Amino acid sequence: MSRWWRATARTPDVEPDTVSASPTYRRYLAAAAWSGGSARDWDHSVRPVLAELVDLAAAARRLDPELWALVDPDAPRSPDRSAPGPGRDALLRILRELDRP
């Protein structure tokens, strides 16, 4: 018997275009699995994901609905490449609002 063997990972069966199929969801799920591990596991796997979620929650509270609509990760993505985007002014307004104490 060989000392070395390679485990083959089976891709879980998930419906396309669902939350479970989202790479972000899978990353959050993996981070949650590491939460019971070592301090290193926490610092490298859990803390970065929590920081993203806290930043997102803070942004949701600080931005008015018009600006939040431009940031909301749950908002549908436009397939239209010819329609103009919100532009630099919108980006600057969002950044100013997030920098406000």
PDB file of N, CA and C in Angstrom:
ATOM      1  N   MET A   1       0.847  -1.180   0.000  1.00  0.00           N
ATOM      2  CA  MET A   1       0.000   0.000   0.000  1.00  0.00           C
ATOM      3  C   MET A   1       0.890   1.240   0.000  1.00  0.00           C
ATOM      4  N   SER A   2       0.567   2.217  -0.792  1.00  0.00           N
ATOM      5  CA  SER A   2       1.345   3.439  -0.902  1.00  0.00           C
ATOM      6  C   SER A   2       1.166   4.318   0.334  1.00  0.00           C
ATOM      7  N   ARG A   3       2.267   4.971   0.704  1.00  0.00           N
ATOM      8  CA  ARG A   3       2.206   5.909   1.826  1.00  0.00           C
ATOM      9  C   ARG A   3       1.381   7.131   1.490  1.00  0.00           C
ATOM     10  N   TRP A   4       1.382   7.483   0.257  1.00  0.00           N
ATOM     11  CA  TRP A   4       0.697   8.698  -0.183  1.00  0.00           C
ATOM     12  C   TRP A   4      -0.534   8.342  -0.998  1.00  0.00           C
ATOM     13  N   TRP A   5      -1.565   9.038  -0.746  1.00  0.00           N
ATOM     14  CA  TRP A   5      -2.770   8.861  -1.557  1.00  0.00           C
ATOM     15  C   TRP A   5      -3.463  10.200  -1.676  1.00  0.00           C
ATOM     16  N   ARG A   6      -4.171  10.349  -2.704  1.00  0.00           N
ATOM     17  CA  ARG A   6      -4.854  11.612  -2.958  1.00  0.00           C
ATOM     18  C   ARG A   6      -6.348  11.386  -2.805  1.00  0.00           C
ATOM     19  N   ALA A   7      -6.955  12.227  -1.971  1.00  0.00           N
ATOM     20  CA  ALA A   7      -8.407  12.151  -1.809  1.00  0.00           C
ATOM     21  C   ALA A   7      -9.043  12.917  -2.961  1.00  0.00           C
ATOM     22  N   THR A   8     -10.055  12.360  -3.512  1.00  0.00           N
ATOM     23  CA  THR A   8     -10.773  13.051  -4.579  1.00  0.00           C
ATOM     24  C   THR A   8     -11.984  13.741  -3.964  1.00  0.00           C
ATOM     25  N   ALA A   9     -12.040  15.013  -4.172  1.00  0.00           N
ATOM     26  CA  ALA A   9     -13.148  15.793  -3.621  1.00  0.00           C
ATOM     27  C   ALA A   9     -14.324  15.706  -4.579  1.00  0.00           C
ATOM     28  N   ARG A  10     -15.449  15.419  -4.034  1.00  0.00           N
ATOM     29  CA  ARG A  10     -16.667  15.361  -4.837  1.00  0.00           C
ATOM     30  C   ARG A  10     -17.361  16.699  -4.730  1.00  0.00           C
ATOM     31  N   THR A  11     -17.673  17.290  -5.858  1.00  0.00           N
ATOM     32  CA  THR A  11     -18.392  18.551  -5.869  1.00  0.00           C
ATOM     33  C   THR A  11     -19.817  18.305  -5.398  1.00  0.00           C
ATOM     34  N   PRO A  12     -20.252  19.073  -4.390  1.00  0.00           N
ATOM     35  CA  PRO A  12     -21.615  18.852  -3.903  1.00  0.00           C
ATOM     36  C   PRO A  12     -22.643  19.192  -4.985  1.00  0.00           C
ATOM     37  N   ASP A  13     -23.736  18.475  -4.966  1.00  0.00           N
ATOM     38  CA  ASP A  13     -24.814  18.747  -5.915  1.00  0.00           C
ATOM     39  C   ASP A  13     -25.590  19.972  -5.444  1.00  0.00           C
ATOM     40  N   VAL A  14     -25.483  21.051  -6.202  1.00  0.00           N
ATOM     41  CA  VAL A  14     -26.223  22.270  -5.881  1.00  0.00           C
ATOM     42  C   VAL A  14     -26.903  22.764  -7.149  1.00  0.00           C
ATOM     43  N   GLU A  15     -28.049  23.338  -6.953  1.00  0.00           N
ATOM     44  CA  GLU A  15     -28.774  23.927  -8.077  1.00  0.00           C
ATOM     45  C   GLU A  15     -28.055  25.194  -8.533  1.00  0.00           C
ATOM     46  N   PRO A  16     -27.873  25.392  -9.828  1.00  0.00           N
ATOM     47  CA  PRO A  16     -27.257  26.631 -10.299  1.00  0.00           C
ATOM     48  C   PRO A  16     -28.148  27.824  -9.970  1.00  0.00           C
ATOM     49  N   ASP A  17     -27.523  28.974  -9.830  1.00  0.00           N
ATOM     50  CA  ASP A  17     -28.225  30.240  -9.556  1.00  0.00           C
ATOM     51  C   ASP A  17     -29.001  30.196  -8.241  1.00  0.00           C
ATOM     52  N   THR A  18     -28.444  29.548  -7.235  1.00  0.00           N
ATOM     53  CA  THR A  18     -29.031  29.547  -5.897  1.00  0.00           C
ATOM     54  C   THR A  18     -27.990  30.065  -4.928  1.00  0.00           C
ATOM     55  N   VAL A  19     -28.409  30.361  -3.717  1.00  0.00           N
ATOM     56  CA  VAL A  19     -27.477  30.813  -2.695  1.00  0.00           C
ATOM     57  C   VAL A  19     -26.380  29.774  -2.486  1.00  0.00           C
ATOM     58  N   SER A  20     -26.754  28.519  -2.441  1.00  0.00           N
ATOM     59  CA  SER A  20     -25.776  27.452  -2.212  1.00  0.00           C
ATOM     60  C   SER A  20     -24.719  27.373  -3.305  1.00  0.00           C
ATOM     61  N   ALA A  21     -25.029  27.830  -4.491  1.00  0.00           N
ATOM     62  CA  ALA A  21     -24.077  27.795  -5.601  1.00  0.00           C
ATOM     63  C   ALA A  21     -23.113  28.985  -5.568  1.00  0.00           C
ATOM     64  N   SER A  22     -23.388  29.948  -4.721  1.00  0.00           N
ATOM     65  CA  SER A  22     -22.576  31.161  -4.665  1.00  0.00           C
ATOM     66  C   SER A  22     -21.211  30.885  -4.029  1.00  0.00           C
ATOM     67  N   PRO A  23     -20.129  31.308  -4.675  1.00  0.00           N
ATOM     68  CA  PRO A  23     -18.806  31.145  -4.067  1.00  0.00           C
ATOM     69  C   PRO A  23     -18.698  31.881  -2.728  1.00  0.00           C
ATOM     70  N   THR A  24     -19.355  33.021  -2.621  1.00  0.00           N
ATOM     71  CA  THR A  24     -19.321  33.776  -1.368  1.00  0.00           C
ATOM     72  C   THR A  24     -19.987  32.987  -0.251  1.00  0.00           C
ATOM     73  N   TYR A  25     -21.125  32.396  -0.541  1.00  0.00           N
ATOM     74  CA  TYR A  25     -21.814  31.577   0.452  1.00  0.00           C
ATOM     75  C   TYR A  25     -20.924  30.416   0.897  1.00  0.00           C
ATOM     76  N   ARG A  26     -20.287  29.773  -0.054  1.00  0.00           N
ATOM     77  CA  ARG A  26     -19.420  28.645   0.288  1.00  0.00           C
ATOM     78  C   ARG A  26     -18.225  29.098   1.126  1.00  0.00           C
ATOM     79  N   ARG A  27     -17.716  30.297   0.835  1.00  0.00           N
ATOM     80  CA  ARG A  27     -16.601  30.832   1.621  1.00  0.00           C
ATOM     81  C   ARG A  27     -17.041  31.120   3.051  1.00  0.00           C
ATOM     82  N   TYR A  28     -18.250  31.692   3.217  1.00  0.00           N
ATOM     83  CA  TYR A  28     -18.775  31.956   4.563  1.00  0.00           C
ATOM     84  C   TYR A  28     -19.016  30.653   5.310  1.00  0.00           C
ATOM     85  N   LEU A  29     -19.514  29.658   4.605  1.00  0.00           N
ATOM     86  CA  LEU A  29     -19.756  28.353   5.216  1.00  0.00           C
ATOM     87  C   LEU A  29     -18.439  27.718   5.680  1.00  0.00           C
ATOM     88  N   ALA A  30     -17.412  27.826   4.858  1.00  0.00           N
ATOM     89  CA  ALA A  30     -16.101  27.289   5.233  1.00  0.00           C
ATOM     90  C   ALA A  30     -15.542  28.036   6.439  1.00  0.00           C
ATOM     91  N   ALA A  31     -15.720  29.352   6.474  1.00  0.00           N
ATOM     92  CA  ALA A  31     -15.237  30.136   7.619  1.00  0.00           C
ATOM     93  C   ALA A  31     -15.942  29.702   8.895  1.00  0.00           C
ATOM     94  N   ALA A  32     -17.248  29.474   8.805  1.00  0.00           N
ATOM     95  CA  ALA A  32     -17.994  29.022   9.985  1.00  0.00           C
ATOM     96  C   ALA A  32     -17.466  27.681  10.472  1.00  0.00           C
ATOM     97  N   ALA A  33     -17.069  26.825   9.564  1.00  0.00           N
ATOM     98  CA  ALA A  33     -16.541  25.514   9.951  1.00  0.00           C
ATOM     99  C   ALA A  33     -15.230  25.645  10.717  1.00  0.00           C
ATOM    100  N   TRP A  34     -14.433  26.679  10.416  1.00  0.00           N
ATOM    101  CA  TRP A  34     -13.157  26.890  11.093  1.00  0.00           C
ATOM    102  C   TRP A  34     -13.329  27.572  12.446  1.00  0.00           C
ATOM    103  N   SER A  35     -14.511  28.037  12.785  1.00  0.00           N
ATOM    104  CA  SER A  35     -14.703  28.821  14.014  1.00  0.00           C
ATOM    105  C   SER A  35     -14.382  28.034  15.277  1.00  0.00           C
ATOM    106  N   GLY A  36     -14.438  26.729  15.234  1.00  0.00           N
ATOM    107  CA  GLY A  36     -14.119  25.926  16.402  1.00  0.00           C
ATOM    108  C   GLY A  36     -12.682  25.456  16.437  1.00  0.00           C
ATOM    109  N   GLY A  37     -11.865  25.961  15.521  1.00  0.00           N
ATOM    110  CA  GLY A  37     -10.477  25.512  15.429  1.00  0.00           C
ATOM    111  C   GLY A  37      -9.546  26.317  16.312  1.00  0.00           C
ATOM    112  N   SER A  38      -8.323  26.434  15.882  1.00  0.00           N
ATOM    113  CA  SER A  38      -7.283  27.122  16.647  1.00  0.00           C
ATOM    114  C   SER A  38      -7.388  28.631  16.488  1.00  0.00           C
ATOM    115  N   ALA A  39      -6.543  29.336  17.256  1.00  0.00           N
ATOM    116  CA  ALA A  39      -6.481  30.800  17.128  1.00  0.00           C
ATOM    117  C   ALA A  39      -6.042  31.182  15.715  1.00  0.00           C
ATOM    118  N   ARG A  40      -5.124  30.402  15.149  1.00  0.00           N
ATOM    119  CA  ARG A  40      -4.674  30.667  13.784  1.00  0.00           C
ATOM    120  C   ARG A  40      -5.820  30.476  12.787  1.00  0.00           C
ATOM    121  N   ASP A  41      -6.580  29.400  12.969  1.00  0.00           N
ATOM    122  CA  ASP A  41      -7.736  29.158  12.097  1.00  0.00           C
ATOM    123  C   ASP A  41      -8.675  30.355  12.145  1.00  0.00           C
ATOM    124  N   TRP A  42      -8.926  30.845  13.351  1.00  0.00           N
ATOM    125  CA  TRP A  42      -9.825  31.997  13.517  1.00  0.00           C
ATOM    126  C   TRP A  42      -9.256  33.203  12.778  1.00  0.00           C
ATOM    127  N   ASP A  43      -7.977  33.508  13.040  1.00  0.00           N
ATOM    128  CA  ASP A  43      -7.368  34.708  12.466  1.00  0.00           C
ATOM    129  C   ASP A  43      -7.280  34.666  10.945  1.00  0.00           C
ATOM    130  N   HIS A  44      -7.090  33.483  10.394  1.00  0.00           N
ATOM    131  CA  HIS A  44      -6.908  33.382   8.941  1.00  0.00           C
ATOM    132  C   HIS A  44      -8.185  33.053   8.177  1.00  0.00           C
ATOM    133  N   SER A  45      -9.151  32.449   8.828  1.00  0.00           N
ATOM    134  CA  SER A  45     -10.352  32.023   8.105  1.00  0.00           C
ATOM    135  C   SER A  45     -11.623  32.736   8.544  1.00  0.00           C
ATOM    136  N   VAL A  46     -11.788  32.904   9.831  1.00  0.00           N
ATOM    137  CA  VAL A  46     -13.044  33.453  10.340  1.00  0.00           C
ATOM    138  C   VAL A  46     -13.016  34.978  10.394  1.00  0.00           C
ATOM    139  N   ARG A  47     -11.948  35.543  10.956  1.00  0.00           N
ATOM    140  CA  ARG A  47     -11.889  36.993  11.134  1.00  0.00           C
ATOM    141  C   ARG A  47     -12.070  37.779   9.829  1.00  0.00           C
ATOM    142  N   PRO A  48     -11.403  37.403   8.721  1.00  0.00           N
ATOM    143  CA  PRO A  48     -11.605  38.185   7.490  1.00  0.00           C
ATOM    144  C   PRO A  48     -13.059  38.196   7.008  1.00  0.00           C
ATOM    145  N   VAL A  49     -13.744  37.080   7.145  1.00  0.00           N
ATOM    146  CA  VAL A  49     -15.141  37.010   6.717  1.00  0.00           C
ATOM    147  C   VAL A  49     -16.010  37.861   7.634  1.00  0.00           C
ATOM    148  N   LEU A  50     -15.766  37.787   8.949  1.00  0.00           N
ATOM    149  CA  LEU A  50     -16.530  38.613   9.878  1.00  0.00           C
ATOM    150  C   LEU A  50     -16.294  40.094   9.618  1.00  0.00           C
ATOM    151  N   ALA A  51     -15.058  40.454   9.324  1.00  0.00           N
ATOM    152  CA  ALA A  51     -14.756  41.857   9.032  1.00  0.00           C
ATOM    153  C   ALA A  51     -15.551  42.345   7.822  1.00  0.00           C
ATOM    154  N   GLU A  52     -15.647  41.515   6.796  1.00  0.00           N
ATOM    155  CA  GLU A  52     -16.453  41.882   5.617  1.00  0.00           C
ATOM    156  C   GLU A  52     -17.915  42.090   6.004  1.00  0.00           C
ATOM    157  N   LEU A  53     -18.445  41.179   6.811  1.00  0.00           N
ATOM    158  CA  LEU A  53     -19.852  41.277   7.205  1.00  0.00           C
ATOM    159  C   LEU A  53     -20.109  42.507   8.064  1.00  0.00           C
ATOM    160  N   VAL A  54     -19.183  42.811   8.973  1.00  0.00           N
ATOM    161  CA  VAL A  54     -19.332  44.002   9.814  1.00  0.00           C
ATOM    162  C   VAL A  54     -19.259  45.257   8.955  1.00  0.00           C
ATOM    163  N   ASP A  55     -18.309  45.289   8.019  1.00  0.00           N
ATOM    164  CA  ASP A  55     -18.216  46.438   7.110  1.00  0.00           C
ATOM    165  C   ASP A  55     -19.500  46.613   6.310  1.00  0.00           C
ATOM    166  N   LEU A  56     -20.043  45.516   5.841  1.00  0.00           N
ATOM    167  CA  LEU A  56     -21.277  45.561   5.065  1.00  0.00           C
ATOM    168  C   LEU A  56     -22.444  46.075   5.912  1.00  0.00           C
ATOM    169  N   ALA A  57     -22.531  45.582   7.146  1.00  0.00           N
ATOM    170  CA  ALA A  57     -23.606  46.032   8.034  1.00  0.00           C
ATOM    171  C   ALA A  57     -23.468  47.516   8.347  1.00  0.00           C
ATOM    172  N   ALA A  58     -22.242  47.963   8.577  1.00  0.00           N
ATOM    173  CA  ALA A  58     -22.014  49.384   8.851  1.00  0.00           C
ATOM    174  C   ALA A  58     -22.385  50.225   7.633  1.00  0.00           C
ATOM    175  N   ALA A  59     -22.020  49.766   6.461  1.00  0.00           N
ATOM    176  CA  ALA A  59     -22.352  50.504   5.238  1.00  0.00           C
ATOM    177  C   ALA A  59     -23.861  50.587   5.052  1.00  0.00           C
ATOM    178  N   ALA A  60     -24.553  49.511   5.338  1.00  0.00           N
ATOM    179  CA  ALA A  60     -26.017  49.502   5.176  1.00  0.00           C
ATOM    180  C   ALA A  60     -26.674  50.528   6.090  1.00  0.00           C
ATOM    181  N   ARG A  61     -26.136  50.702   7.290  1.00  0.00           N
ATOM    182  CA  ARG A  61     -26.722  51.673   8.225  1.00  0.00           C
ATOM    183  C   ARG A  61     -26.355  53.100   7.869  1.00  0.00           C
ATOM    184  N   ARG A  62     -25.198  53.314   7.269  1.00  0.00           N
ATOM    185  CA  ARG A  62     -24.700  54.674   7.046  1.00  0.00           C
ATOM    186  C   ARG A  62     -25.119  55.270   5.723  1.00  0.00           C
ATOM    187  N   LEU A  63     -25.469  54.443   4.759  1.00  0.00           N
ATOM    188  CA  LEU A  63     -25.788  54.966   3.437  1.00  0.00           C
ATOM    189  C   LEU A  63     -27.287  55.159   3.279  1.00  0.00           C
ATOM    190  N   ASP A  64     -27.655  56.260   2.613  1.00  0.00           N
ATOM    191  CA  ASP A  64     -29.077  56.441   2.325  1.00  0.00           C
ATOM    192  C   ASP A  64     -29.491  55.410   1.277  1.00  0.00           C
ATOM    193  N   PRO A  65     -30.782  55.156   1.142  1.00  0.00           N
ATOM    194  CA  PRO A  65     -31.246  54.092   0.233  1.00  0.00           C
ATOM    195  C   PRO A  65     -30.740  54.226  -1.208  1.00  0.00           C
ATOM    196  N   GLU A  66     -30.623  55.450  -1.687  1.00  0.00           N
ATOM    197  CA  GLU A  66     -30.146  55.660  -3.059  1.00  0.00           C
ATOM    198  C   GLU A  66     -28.702  55.154  -3.226  1.00  0.00           C
ATOM    199  N   LEU A  67     -27.850  55.461  -2.251  1.00  0.00           N
ATOM    200  CA  LEU A  67     -26.460  55.012  -2.337  1.00  0.00           C
ATOM    201  C   LEU A  67     -26.331  53.527  -1.998  1.00  0.00           C
ATOM    202  N   TRP A  68     -27.128  53.062  -1.036  1.00  0.00           N
ATOM    203  CA  TRP A  68     -27.055  51.638  -0.682  1.00  0.00           C
ATOM    204  C   TRP A  68     -27.403  50.763  -1.882  1.00  0.00           C
ATOM    205  N   ALA A  69     -28.331  51.218  -2.709  1.00  0.00           N
ATOM    206  CA  ALA A  69     -28.716  50.448  -3.894  1.00  0.00           C
ATOM    207  C   ALA A  69     -27.521  50.225  -4.824  1.00  0.00           C
ATOM    208  N   LEU A  70     -26.531  51.111  -4.769  1.00  0.00           N
ATOM    209  CA  LEU A  70     -25.343  50.979  -5.614  1.00  0.00           C
ATOM    210  C   LEU A  70     -24.294  50.061  -5.003  1.00  0.00           C
ATOM    211  N   VAL A  71     -24.464  49.733  -3.716  1.00  0.00           N
ATOM    212  CA  VAL A  71     -23.489  48.928  -2.981  1.00  0.00           C
ATOM    213  C   VAL A  71     -24.036  47.550  -2.634  1.00  0.00           C
ATOM    214  N   ASP A  72     -25.328  47.446  -2.505  1.00  0.00           N
ATOM    215  CA  ASP A  72     -25.997  46.243  -2.016  1.00  0.00           C
ATOM    216  C   ASP A  72     -25.560  45.001  -2.794  1.00  0.00           C
ATOM    217  N   PRO A  73     -24.908  44.044  -2.109  1.00  0.00           N
ATOM    218  CA  PRO A  73     -24.451  42.851  -2.821  1.00  0.00           C
ATOM    219  C   PRO A  73     -25.596  41.951  -3.278  1.00  0.00           C
ATOM    220  N   ASP A  74     -26.792  42.165  -2.729  1.00  0.00           N
ATOM    221  CA  ASP A  74     -27.942  41.358  -3.137  1.00  0.00           C
ATOM    222  C   ASP A  74     -28.715  41.961  -4.306  1.00  0.00           C
ATOM    223  N   ALA A  75     -28.316  43.150  -4.730  1.00  0.00           N
ATOM    224  CA  ALA A  75     -29.000  43.797  -5.848  1.00  0.00           C
ATOM    225  C   ALA A  75     -28.702  43.028  -7.132  1.00  0.00           C
ATOM    226  N   PRO A  76     -29.674  42.940  -8.021  1.00  0.00           N
ATOM    227  CA  PRO A  76     -29.423  42.233  -9.285  1.00  0.00           C
ATOM    228  C   PRO A  76     -28.355  42.949 -10.109  1.00  0.00           C
ATOM    229  N   ARG A  77     -27.576  42.177 -10.824  1.00  0.00           N
ATOM    230  CA  ARG A  77     -26.520  42.741 -11.675  1.00  0.00           C
ATOM    231  C   ARG A  77     -27.068  42.990 -13.070  1.00  0.00           C
ATOM    232  N   SER A  78     -26.712  44.133 -13.598  1.00  0.00           N
ATOM    233  CA  SER A  78     -27.189  44.485 -14.935  1.00  0.00           C
ATOM    234  C   SER A  78     -26.418  43.706 -15.995  1.00  0.00           C
ATOM    235  N   PRO A  79     -27.141  43.160 -16.965  1.00  0.00           N
ATOM    236  CA  PRO A  79     -26.456  42.493 -18.075  1.00  0.00           C
ATOM    237  C   PRO A  79     -26.128  43.476 -19.216  1.00  0.00           C
ATOM    238  N   ASP A  80     -26.571  44.731 -19.080  1.00  0.00           N
ATOM    239  CA  ASP A  80     -26.466  45.718 -20.154  1.00  0.00           C
ATOM    240  C   ASP A  80     -25.119  46.436 -20.124  1.00  0.00           C
ATOM    241  N   ARG A  81     -24.255  46.116 -21.086  1.00  0.00           N
ATOM    242  CA  ARG A  81     -22.938  46.752 -21.163  1.00  0.00           C
ATOM    243  C   ARG A  81     -22.992  48.139 -21.804  1.00  0.00           C
ATOM    244  N   SER A  82     -24.113  48.488 -22.418  1.00  0.00           N
ATOM    245  CA  SER A  82     -24.186  49.790 -23.092  1.00  0.00           C
ATOM    246  C   SER A  82     -24.781  50.874 -22.193  1.00  0.00           C
ATOM    247  N   ALA A  83     -25.476  50.499 -21.122  1.00  0.00           N
ATOM    248  CA  ALA A  83     -26.054  51.481 -20.203  1.00  0.00           C
ATOM    249  C   ALA A  83     -24.943  52.090 -19.351  1.00  0.00           C
ATOM    250  N   PRO A  84     -25.008  53.403 -19.124  1.00  0.00           N
ATOM    251  CA  PRO A  84     -23.959  54.021 -18.299  1.00  0.00           C
ATOM    252  C   PRO A  84     -24.082  53.582 -16.844  1.00  0.00           C
ATOM    253  N   GLY A  85     -22.935  53.461 -16.181  1.00  0.00           N
ATOM    254  CA  GLY A  85     -22.906  53.126 -14.761  1.00  0.00           C
ATOM    255  C   GLY A  85     -23.120  54.376 -13.926  1.00  0.00           C
ATOM    256  N   PRO A  86     -23.170  54.237 -12.603  1.00  0.00           N
ATOM    257  CA  PRO A  86     -23.393  55.375 -11.714  1.00  0.00           C
ATOM    258  C   PRO A  86     -22.304  56.436 -11.815  1.00  0.00           C
ATOM    259  N   GLY A  87     -21.089  56.042 -12.125  1.00  0.00           N
ATOM    260  CA  GLY A  87     -20.021  57.007 -12.360  1.00  0.00           C
ATOM    261  C   GLY A  87     -19.199  57.376 -11.141  1.00  0.00           C
ATOM    262  N   ARG A  88     -18.211  58.189 -11.416  1.00  0.00           N
ATOM    263  CA  ARG A  88     -17.245  58.622 -10.397  1.00  0.00           C
ATOM    264  C   ARG A  88     -17.899  59.420  -9.279  1.00  0.00           C
ATOM    265  N   ASP A  89     -18.852  60.279  -9.636  1.00  0.00           N
ATOM    266  CA  ASP A  89     -19.517  61.086  -8.601  1.00  0.00           C
ATOM    267  C   ASP A  89     -20.214  60.202  -7.571  1.00  0.00           C
ATOM    268  N   ALA A  90     -20.886  59.160  -8.032  1.00  0.00           N
ATOM    269  CA  ALA A  90     -21.559  58.244  -7.107  1.00  0.00           C
ATOM    270  C   ALA A  90     -20.532  57.536  -6.229  1.00  0.00           C
ATOM    271  N   LEU A  91     -19.433  57.099  -6.823  1.00  0.00           N
ATOM    272  CA  LEU A  91     -18.377  56.450  -6.054  1.00  0.00           C
ATOM    273  C   LEU A  91     -17.849  57.387  -4.971  1.00  0.00           C
ATOM    274  N   LEU A  92     -17.582  58.624  -5.325  1.00  0.00           N
ATOM    275  CA  LEU A  92     -17.078  59.589  -4.350  1.00  0.00           C
ATOM    276  C   LEU A  92     -18.096  59.866  -3.245  1.00  0.00           C
ATOM    277  N   ARG A  93     -19.375  59.951  -3.599  1.00  0.00           N
ATOM    278  CA  ARG A  93     -20.419  60.148  -2.569  1.00  0.00           C
ATOM    279  C   ARG A  93     -20.438  58.973  -1.596  1.00  0.00           C
ATOM    280  N   ILE A  94     -20.343  57.767  -2.104  1.00  0.00           N
ATOM    281  CA  ILE A  94     -20.339  56.579  -1.237  1.00  0.00           C
ATOM    282  C   ILE A  94     -19.122  56.621  -0.315  1.00  0.00           C
ATOM    283  N   LEU A  95     -17.958  56.896  -0.865  1.00  0.00           N
ATOM    284  CA  LEU A  95     -16.742  56.928  -0.054  1.00  0.00           C
ATOM    285  C   LEU A  95     -16.794  58.034   0.996  1.00  0.00           C
ATOM    286  N   ARG A  96     -17.326  59.194   0.635  1.00  0.00           N
ATOM    287  CA  ARG A  96     -17.466  60.286   1.625  1.00  0.00           C
ATOM    288  C   ARG A  96     -18.396  59.883   2.772  1.00  0.00           C
ATOM    289  N   GLU A  97     -19.498  59.250   2.415  1.00  0.00           N
ATOM    290  CA  GLU A  97     -20.445  58.821   3.456  1.00  0.00           C
ATOM    291  C   GLU A  97     -19.812  57.784   4.390  1.00  0.00           C
ATOM    292  N   LEU A  98     -19.043  56.864   3.842  1.00  0.00           N
ATOM    293  CA  LEU A  98     -18.410  55.838   4.663  1.00  0.00           C
ATOM    294  C   LEU A  98     -17.278  56.396   5.515  1.00  0.00           C
ATOM    295  N   ASP A  99     -16.667  57.488   5.078  1.00  0.00           N
ATOM    296  CA  ASP A  99     -15.585  58.099   5.845  1.00  0.00           C
ATOM    297  C   ASP A  99     -16.111  59.028   6.943  1.00  0.00           C
ATOM    298  N   ARG A 100     -17.369  59.384   6.859  1.00  0.00           N
ATOM    299  CA  ARG A 100     -17.953  60.293   7.867  1.00  0.00           C
ATOM    300  C   ARG A 100     -17.976  59.617   9.232  1.00  0.00           C
ATOM    301  N   PRO A 101     -17.618  60.376  10.287  1.00  0.00           N
ATOM    302  CA  PRO A 101     -17.684  59.776  11.632  1.00  0.00           C
ATOM    303  C   PRO A 101     -19.098  59.530  12.100  1.00  0.00           C
TER     304      PRO A 101
END
